Amino acid sequence: MVVIELKKGKTSDAAVGQILRYIGWVKANVADVDQSVRGILIAKEVDDVLKYSVKDLTHIEVKTYKVDFQLTAFKKQA
């Protein structure tokens, strides 16, 4: 099972505690006894503190995202 935590901006090590709580809850309430649960923390930016916090946590991945879109005018048909 995978727990995904999506942060809208820059995040720090407090998010690690949050995703660990979610993983613990899923293990206790949803997953089978022998089922593994891992986490993916997704944020726009991460700081060095977060990088050190997850360095030895093999069941948590950190990923960053980038959003880029353009708006174009919609031409109504007559």
PDB file of N, CA and C in Angstrom:
ATOM      1  N   MET A   1       0.844  -1.160   0.000  1.00  0.00           N
ATOM      2  CA  MET A   1       0.000   0.000   0.000  1.00  0.00           C
ATOM      3  C   MET A   1       0.896   1.231   0.000  1.00  0.00           C
ATOM      4  N   VAL A   2       0.364   2.306  -0.541  1.00  0.00           N
ATOM      5  CA  VAL A   2       1.123   3.546  -0.629  1.00  0.00           C
ATOM      6  C   VAL A   2       0.299   4.690  -0.046  1.00  0.00           C
ATOM      7  N   VAL A   3       0.920   5.445   0.839  1.00  0.00           N
ATOM      8  CA  VAL A   3       0.334   6.661   1.384  1.00  0.00           C
ATOM      9  C   VAL A   3       1.001   7.824   0.672  1.00  0.00           C
ATOM     10  N   ILE A   4       0.195   8.714   0.096  1.00  0.00           N
ATOM     11  CA  ILE A   4       0.734   9.866  -0.615  1.00  0.00           C
ATOM     12  C   ILE A   4       0.343  11.133   0.124  1.00  0.00           C
ATOM     13  N   GLU A   5       1.333  11.947   0.446  1.00  0.00           N
ATOM     14  CA  GLU A   5       1.111  13.237   1.096  1.00  0.00           C
ATOM     15  C   GLU A   5       1.546  14.309   0.114  1.00  0.00           C
ATOM     16  N   LEU A   6       0.610  15.150  -0.304  1.00  0.00           N
ATOM     17  CA  LEU A   6       0.880  16.206  -1.264  1.00  0.00           C
ATOM     18  C   LEU A   6       0.858  17.551  -0.557  1.00  0.00           C
ATOM     19  N   LYS A   7       1.957  18.278  -0.664  1.00  0.00           N
ATOM     20  CA  LYS A   7       2.069  19.609  -0.063  1.00  0.00           C
ATOM     21  C   LYS A   7       2.034  20.651  -1.172  1.00  0.00           C
ATOM     22  N   LYS A   8       1.355  21.752  -0.933  1.00  0.00           N
ATOM     23  CA  LYS A   8       1.185  22.736  -2.005  1.00  0.00           C
ATOM     24  C   LYS A   8       2.390  23.639  -2.215  1.00  0.00           C
ATOM     25  N   GLY A   9       3.310  23.672  -1.314  1.00  0.00           N
ATOM     26  CA  GLY A   9       4.475  24.540  -1.475  1.00  0.00           C
ATOM     27  C   GLY A   9       5.716  23.887  -0.907  1.00  0.00           C
ATOM     28  N   LYS A  10       6.537  24.697  -0.274  1.00  0.00           N
ATOM     29  CA  LYS A  10       7.762  24.190   0.345  1.00  0.00           C
ATOM     30  C   LYS A  10       7.394  23.462   1.631  1.00  0.00           C
ATOM     31  N   THR A  11       8.086  22.378   1.904  1.00  0.00           N
ATOM     32  CA  THR A  11       7.789  21.619   3.109  1.00  0.00           C
ATOM     33  C   THR A  11       9.071  21.307   3.860  1.00  0.00           C
ATOM     34  N   SER A  12       8.923  20.945   5.114  1.00  0.00           N
ATOM     35  CA  SER A  12      10.073  20.647   5.953  1.00  0.00           C
ATOM     36  C   SER A  12       9.848  19.334   6.678  1.00  0.00           C
ATOM     37  N   ASP A  13      10.634  19.087   7.705  1.00  0.00           N
ATOM     38  CA  ASP A  13      10.590  17.788   8.385  1.00  0.00           C
ATOM     39  C   ASP A  13       9.306  17.529   9.153  1.00  0.00           C
ATOM     40  N   ALA A  14       8.490  18.532   9.396  1.00  0.00           N
ATOM     41  CA  ALA A  14       7.204  18.294  10.062  1.00  0.00           C
ATOM     42  C   ALA A  14       6.322  17.380   9.211  1.00  0.00           C
ATOM     43  N   ALA A  15       6.466  17.445   7.903  1.00  0.00           N
ATOM     44  CA  ALA A  15       5.688  16.594   7.003  1.00  0.00           C
ATOM     45  C   ALA A  15       6.075  15.126   7.151  1.00  0.00           C
ATOM     46  N   VAL A  16       7.304  14.857   7.576  1.00  0.00           N
ATOM     47  CA  VAL A  16       7.741  13.471   7.789  1.00  0.00           C
ATOM     48  C   VAL A  16       6.954  12.852   8.943  1.00  0.00           C
ATOM     49  N   GLY A  17       6.800  13.586  10.017  1.00  0.00           N
ATOM     50  CA  GLY A  17       5.998  13.096  11.136  1.00  0.00           C
ATOM     51  C   GLY A  17       4.567  12.833  10.720  1.00  0.00           C
ATOM     52  N   GLN A  18       4.045  13.711   9.889  1.00  0.00           N
ATOM     53  CA  GLN A  18       2.674  13.560   9.424  1.00  0.00           C
ATOM     54  C   GLN A  18       2.508  12.296   8.584  1.00  0.00           C
ATOM     55  N   ILE A  19       3.388  12.071   7.627  1.00  0.00           N
ATOM     56  CA  ILE A  19       3.241  10.884   6.781  1.00  0.00           C
ATOM     57  C   ILE A  19       3.526   9.602   7.572  1.00  0.00           C
ATOM     58  N   LEU A  20       4.423   9.667   8.553  1.00  0.00           N
ATOM     59  CA  LEU A  20       4.653   8.499   9.412  1.00  0.00           C
ATOM     60  C   LEU A  20       3.409   8.155  10.218  1.00  0.00           C
ATOM     61  N   ARG A  21       2.676   9.168  10.687  1.00  0.00           N
ATOM     62  CA  ARG A  21       1.404   8.924  11.393  1.00  0.00           C
ATOM     63  C   ARG A  21       0.409   8.246  10.466  1.00  0.00           C
ATOM     64  N   TYR A  22       0.301   8.755   9.241  1.00  0.00           N
ATOM     65  CA  TYR A  22      -0.629   8.163   8.277  1.00  0.00           C
ATOM     66  C   TYR A  22      -0.255   6.714   7.965  1.00  0.00           C
ATOM     67  N   ILE A  23       1.033   6.458   7.779  1.00  0.00           N
ATOM     68  CA  ILE A  23       1.495   5.091   7.513  1.00  0.00           C
ATOM     69  C   ILE A  23       1.154   4.180   8.686  1.00  0.00           C
ATOM     70  N   GLY A  24       1.391   4.665   9.899  1.00  0.00           N
ATOM     71  CA  GLY A  24       1.050   3.887  11.094  1.00  0.00           C
ATOM     72  C   GLY A  24      -0.434   3.577  11.178  1.00  0.00           C
ATOM     73  N   TRP A  25      -1.269   4.556  10.843  1.00  0.00           N
ATOM     74  CA  TRP A  25      -2.721   4.354  10.878  1.00  0.00           C
ATOM     75  C   TRP A  25      -3.131   3.316   9.832  1.00  0.00           C
ATOM     76  N   VAL A  26      -2.595   3.433   8.627  1.00  0.00           N
ATOM     77  CA  VAL A  26      -2.934   2.478   7.567  1.00  0.00           C
ATOM     78  C   VAL A  26      -2.501   1.068   7.965  1.00  0.00           C
ATOM     79  N   LYS A  27      -1.303   0.937   8.536  1.00  0.00           N
ATOM     80  CA  LYS A  27      -0.835  -0.381   8.995  1.00  0.00           C
ATOM     81  C   LYS A  27      -1.774  -0.964  10.040  1.00  0.00           C
ATOM     82  N   ALA A  28      -2.252  -0.139  10.964  1.00  0.00           N
ATOM     83  CA  ALA A  28      -3.093  -0.612  12.058  1.00  0.00           C
ATOM     84  C   ALA A  28      -4.546  -0.849  11.652  1.00  0.00           C
ATOM     85  N   ASN A  29      -5.041  -0.117  10.663  1.00  0.00           N
ATOM     86  CA  ASN A  29      -6.471  -0.144  10.375  1.00  0.00           C
ATOM     87  C   ASN A  29      -6.875  -0.656   9.001  1.00  0.00           C
ATOM     88  N   VAL A  30      -5.948  -0.699   8.056  1.00  0.00           N
ATOM     89  CA  VAL A  30      -6.324  -1.059   6.688  1.00  0.00           C
ATOM     90  C   VAL A  30      -5.509  -2.230   6.147  1.00  0.00           C
ATOM     91  N   ALA A  31      -4.216  -2.180   6.308  1.00  0.00           N
ATOM     92  CA  ALA A  31      -3.321  -3.175   5.713  1.00  0.00           C
ATOM     93  C   ALA A  31      -3.432  -4.524   6.422  1.00  0.00           C
ATOM     94  N   ASP A  32      -3.160  -5.583   5.659  1.00  0.00           N
ATOM     95  CA  ASP A  32      -3.046  -6.912   6.252  1.00  0.00           C
ATOM     96  C   ASP A  32      -1.769  -6.959   7.084  1.00  0.00           C
ATOM     97  N   VAL A  33      -1.674  -7.914   7.975  1.00  0.00           N
ATOM     98  CA  VAL A  33      -0.536  -8.025   8.888  1.00  0.00           C
ATOM     99  C   VAL A  33       0.793  -8.090   8.141  1.00  0.00           C
ATOM    100  N   ASP A  34       0.833  -8.838   7.052  1.00  0.00           N
ATOM    101  CA  ASP A  34       2.084  -9.014   6.310  1.00  0.00           C
ATOM    102  C   ASP A  34       2.234  -8.049   5.125  1.00  0.00           C
ATOM    103  N   GLN A  35       1.334  -7.090   5.015  1.00  0.00           N
ATOM    104  CA  GLN A  35       1.354  -6.157   3.889  1.00  0.00           C
ATOM    105  C   GLN A  35       2.239  -4.951   4.192  1.00  0.00           C
ATOM    106  N   SER A  36       3.078  -4.588   3.237  1.00  0.00           N
ATOM    107  CA  SER A  36       3.955  -3.431   3.449  1.00  0.00           C
ATOM    108  C   SER A  36       3.211  -2.138   3.118  1.00  0.00           C
ATOM    109  N   VAL A  37       3.600  -1.099   3.808  1.00  0.00           N
ATOM    110  CA  VAL A  37       3.036   0.234   3.582  1.00  0.00           C
ATOM    111  C   VAL A  37       4.206   1.189   3.431  1.00  0.00           C
ATOM    112  N   ARG A  38       4.204   1.936   2.346  1.00  0.00           N
ATOM    113  CA  ARG A  38       5.253   2.928   2.132  1.00  0.00           C
ATOM    114  C   ARG A  38       4.614   4.278   1.866  1.00  0.00           C
ATOM    115  N   GLY A  39       5.434   5.313   1.894  1.00  0.00           N
ATOM    116  CA  GLY A  39       4.913   6.656   1.710  1.00  0.00           C
ATOM    117  C   GLY A  39       5.664   7.418   0.640  1.00  0.00           C
ATOM    118  N   ILE A  40       4.936   8.313  -0.012  1.00  0.00           N
ATOM    119  CA  ILE A  40       5.531   9.236  -0.968  1.00  0.00           C
ATOM    120  C   ILE A  40       5.116  10.642  -0.552  1.00  0.00           C
ATOM    121  N   LEU A  41       6.096  11.468  -0.277  1.00  0.00           N
ATOM    122  CA  LEU A  41       5.873  12.858   0.110  1.00  0.00           C
ATOM    123  C   LEU A  41       6.174  13.720  -1.102  1.00  0.00           C
ATOM    124  N   ILE A  42       5.180  14.458  -1.579  1.00  0.00           N
ATOM    125  CA  ILE A  42       5.326  15.268  -2.783  1.00  0.00           C
ATOM    126  C   ILE A  42       5.153  16.735  -2.408  1.00  0.00           C
ATOM    127  N   ALA A  43       6.124  17.553  -2.791  1.00  0.00           N
ATOM    128  CA  ALA A  43       6.068  18.984  -2.480  1.00  0.00           C
ATOM    129  C   ALA A  43       6.675  19.776  -3.626  1.00  0.00           C
ATOM    130  N   LYS A  44       6.338  21.043  -3.662  1.00  0.00           N
ATOM    131  CA  LYS A  44       6.915  21.896  -4.695  1.00  0.00           C
ATOM    132  C   LYS A  44       8.398  22.099  -4.454  1.00  0.00           C
ATOM    133  N   GLU A  45       8.773  22.295  -3.193  1.00  0.00           N
ATOM    134  CA  GLU A  45      10.176  22.468  -2.820  1.00  0.00           C
ATOM    135  C   GLU A  45      10.429  21.732  -1.515  1.00  0.00           C
ATOM    136  N   VAL A  46      11.652  21.257  -1.337  1.00  0.00           N
ATOM    137  CA  VAL A  46      12.043  20.644  -0.068  1.00  0.00           C
ATOM    138  C   VAL A  46      13.313  21.312   0.427  1.00  0.00           C
ATOM    139  N   ASP A  47      13.441  21.388   1.739  1.00  0.00           N
ATOM    140  CA  ASP A  47      14.648  21.988   2.310  1.00  0.00           C
ATOM    141  C   ASP A  47      15.618  20.902   2.768  1.00  0.00           C
ATOM    142  N   ASP A  48      16.803  21.320   3.152  1.00  0.00           N
ATOM    143  CA  ASP A  48      17.834  20.359   3.577  1.00  0.00           C
ATOM    144  C   ASP A  48      17.418  19.579   4.814  1.00  0.00           C
ATOM    145  N   VAL A  49      16.671  20.211   5.704  1.00  0.00           N
ATOM    146  CA  VAL A  49      16.221  19.535   6.926  1.00  0.00           C
ATOM    147  C   VAL A  49      15.362  18.324   6.566  1.00  0.00           C
ATOM    148  N   LEU A  50      14.474  18.488   5.604  1.00  0.00           N
ATOM    149  CA  LEU A  50      13.634  17.372   5.170  1.00  0.00           C
ATOM    150  C   LEU A  50      14.490  16.270   4.540  1.00  0.00           C
ATOM    151  N   LYS A  51      15.456  16.655   3.730  1.00  0.00           N
ATOM    152  CA  LYS A  51      16.328  15.662   3.087  1.00  0.00           C
ATOM    153  C   LYS A  51      17.041  14.807   4.133  1.00  0.00           C
ATOM    154  N   TYR A  52      17.539  15.427   5.204  1.00  0.00           N
ATOM    155  CA  TYR A  52      18.211  14.675   6.262  1.00  0.00           C
ATOM    156  C   TYR A  52      17.217  13.821   7.051  1.00  0.00           C
ATOM    157  N   SER A  53      15.991  14.300   7.197  1.00  0.00           N
ATOM    158  CA  SER A  53      14.985  13.570   7.971  1.00  0.00           C
ATOM    159  C   SER A  53      14.595  12.244   7.324  1.00  0.00           C
ATOM    160  N   VAL A  54      14.601  12.194   6.005  1.00  0.00           N
ATOM    161  CA  VAL A  54      14.176  10.971   5.321  1.00  0.00           C
ATOM    162  C   VAL A  54      15.348  10.134   4.798  1.00  0.00           C
ATOM    163  N   LYS A  55      16.549  10.610   5.021  1.00  0.00           N
ATOM    164  CA  LYS A  55      17.744   9.965   4.467  1.00  0.00           C
ATOM    165  C   LYS A  55      17.792   8.460   4.742  1.00  0.00           C
ATOM    166  N   ASP A  56      17.486   8.029   5.938  1.00  0.00           N
ATOM    167  CA  ASP A  56      17.565   6.618   6.308  1.00  0.00           C
ATOM    168  C   ASP A  56      16.202   5.924   6.377  1.00  0.00           C
ATOM    169  N   LEU A  57      15.170   6.588   5.920  1.00  0.00           N
ATOM    170  CA  LEU A  57      13.836   5.985   5.911  1.00  0.00           C
ATOM    171  C   LEU A  57      13.590   5.375   4.538  1.00  0.00           C
ATOM    172  N   THR A  58      13.827   4.094   4.425  1.00  0.00           N
ATOM    173  CA  THR A  58      13.741   3.429   3.124  1.00  0.00           C
ATOM    174  C   THR A  58      12.312   3.289   2.619  1.00  0.00           C
ATOM    175  N   HIS A  59      11.327   3.440   3.489  1.00  0.00           N
ATOM    176  CA  HIS A  59       9.934   3.279   3.075  1.00  0.00           C
ATOM    177  C   HIS A  59       9.245   4.604   2.758  1.00  0.00           C
ATOM    178  N   ILE A  60      10.027   5.701   2.708  1.00  0.00           N
ATOM    179  CA  ILE A  60       9.463   7.003   2.344  1.00  0.00           C
ATOM    180  C   ILE A  60      10.296   7.620   1.218  1.00  0.00           C
ATOM    181  N   GLU A  61       9.617   7.994   0.143  1.00  0.00           N
ATOM    182  CA  GLU A  61      10.250   8.696  -0.973  1.00  0.00           C
ATOM    183  C   GLU A  61       9.835  10.158  -0.923  1.00  0.00           C
ATOM    184  N   VAL A  62      10.696  11.027  -1.395  1.00  0.00           N
ATOM    185  CA  VAL A  62      10.358  12.439  -1.531  1.00  0.00           C
ATOM    186  C   VAL A  62      10.478  12.795  -3.002  1.00  0.00           C
ATOM    187  N   LYS A  63       9.451  13.444  -3.508  1.00  0.00           N
ATOM    188  CA  LYS A  63       9.444  13.890  -4.898  1.00  0.00           C
ATOM    189  C   LYS A  63       9.011  15.347  -4.939  1.00  0.00           C
ATOM    190  N   THR A  64       9.489  16.064  -5.939  1.00  0.00           N
ATOM    191  CA  THR A  64       9.042  17.443  -6.136  1.00  0.00           C
ATOM    192  C   THR A  64       8.231  17.518  -7.424  1.00  0.00           C
ATOM    193  N   TYR A  65       7.411  18.554  -7.504  1.00  0.00           N
ATOM    194  CA  TYR A  65       6.596  18.740  -8.698  1.00  0.00           C
ATOM    195  C   TYR A  65       6.792  20.138  -9.258  1.00  0.00           C
ATOM    196  N   LYS A  66       6.411  20.270 -10.503  1.00  0.00           N
ATOM    197  CA  LYS A  66       6.458  21.554 -11.180  1.00  0.00           C
ATOM    198  C   LYS A  66       5.157  21.691 -11.965  1.00  0.00           C
ATOM    199  N   VAL A  67       4.516  22.823 -11.838  1.00  0.00           N
ATOM    200  CA  VAL A  67       3.275  23.069 -12.557  1.00  0.00           C
ATOM    201  C   VAL A  67       3.535  24.183 -13.562  1.00  0.00           C
ATOM    202  N   ASP A  68       3.162  23.933 -14.795  1.00  0.00           N
ATOM    203  CA  ASP A  68       3.334  24.922 -15.843  1.00  0.00           C
ATOM    204  C   ASP A  68       2.152  24.796 -16.803  1.00  0.00           C
ATOM    205  N   PHE A  69       1.354  25.846 -16.913  1.00  0.00           N
ATOM    206  CA  PHE A  69       0.238  25.790 -17.841  1.00  0.00           C
ATOM    207  C   PHE A  69       0.021  27.167 -18.452  1.00  0.00           C
ATOM    208  N   GLN A  70      -0.689  27.186 -19.577  1.00  0.00           N
ATOM    209  CA  GLN A  70      -1.001  28.426 -20.270  1.00  0.00           C
ATOM    210  C   GLN A  70      -2.499  28.506 -20.487  1.00  0.00           C
ATOM    211  N   LEU A  71      -3.015  29.709 -20.429  1.00  0.00           N
ATOM    212  CA  LEU A  71      -4.414  29.942 -20.735  1.00  0.00           C
ATOM    213  C   LEU A  71      -4.507  30.519 -22.135  1.00  0.00           C
ATOM    214  N   THR A  72      -5.437  30.031 -22.913  1.00  0.00           N
ATOM    215  CA  THR A  72      -5.645  30.569 -24.252  1.00  0.00           C
ATOM    216  C   THR A  72      -7.096  31.000 -24.374  1.00  0.00           C
ATOM    217  N   ALA A  73      -7.310  31.986 -25.216  1.00  0.00           N
ATOM    218  CA  ALA A  73      -8.661  32.510 -25.407  1.00  0.00           C
ATOM    219  C   ALA A  73      -9.527  31.476 -26.139  1.00  0.00           C
ATOM    220  N   PHE A  74     -10.748  31.386 -25.735  1.00  0.00           N
ATOM    221  CA  PHE A  74     -11.706  30.485 -26.389  1.00  0.00           C
ATOM    222  C   PHE A  74     -12.528  31.330 -27.336  1.00  0.00           C
ATOM    223  N   LYS A  75     -12.558  30.954 -28.602  1.00  0.00           N
ATOM    224  CA  LYS A  75     -13.334  31.712 -29.598  1.00  0.00           C
ATOM    225  C   LYS A  75     -14.697  31.068 -29.757  1.00  0.00           C
ATOM    226  N   LYS A  76     -15.704  31.853 -29.491  1.00  0.00           N
ATOM    227  CA  LYS A  76     -17.082  31.368 -29.654  1.00  0.00           C
ATOM    228  C   LYS A  76     -17.433  31.324 -31.127  1.00  0.00           C
ATOM    229  N   GLN A  77     -18.166  30.326 -31.526  1.00  0.00           N
ATOM    230  CA  GLN A  77     -18.630  30.244 -32.906  1.00  0.00           C
ATOM    231  C   GLN A  77     -19.900  31.043 -33.043  1.00  0.00           C
ATOM    232  N   ALA A  78     -20.022  31.737 -34.152  1.00  0.00           N
ATOM    233  CA  ALA A  78     -21.204  32.580 -34.379  1.00  0.00           C
ATOM    234  C   ALA A  78     -22.391  31.773 -34.831  1.00  0.00           C
TER     235      ALA A  78
END
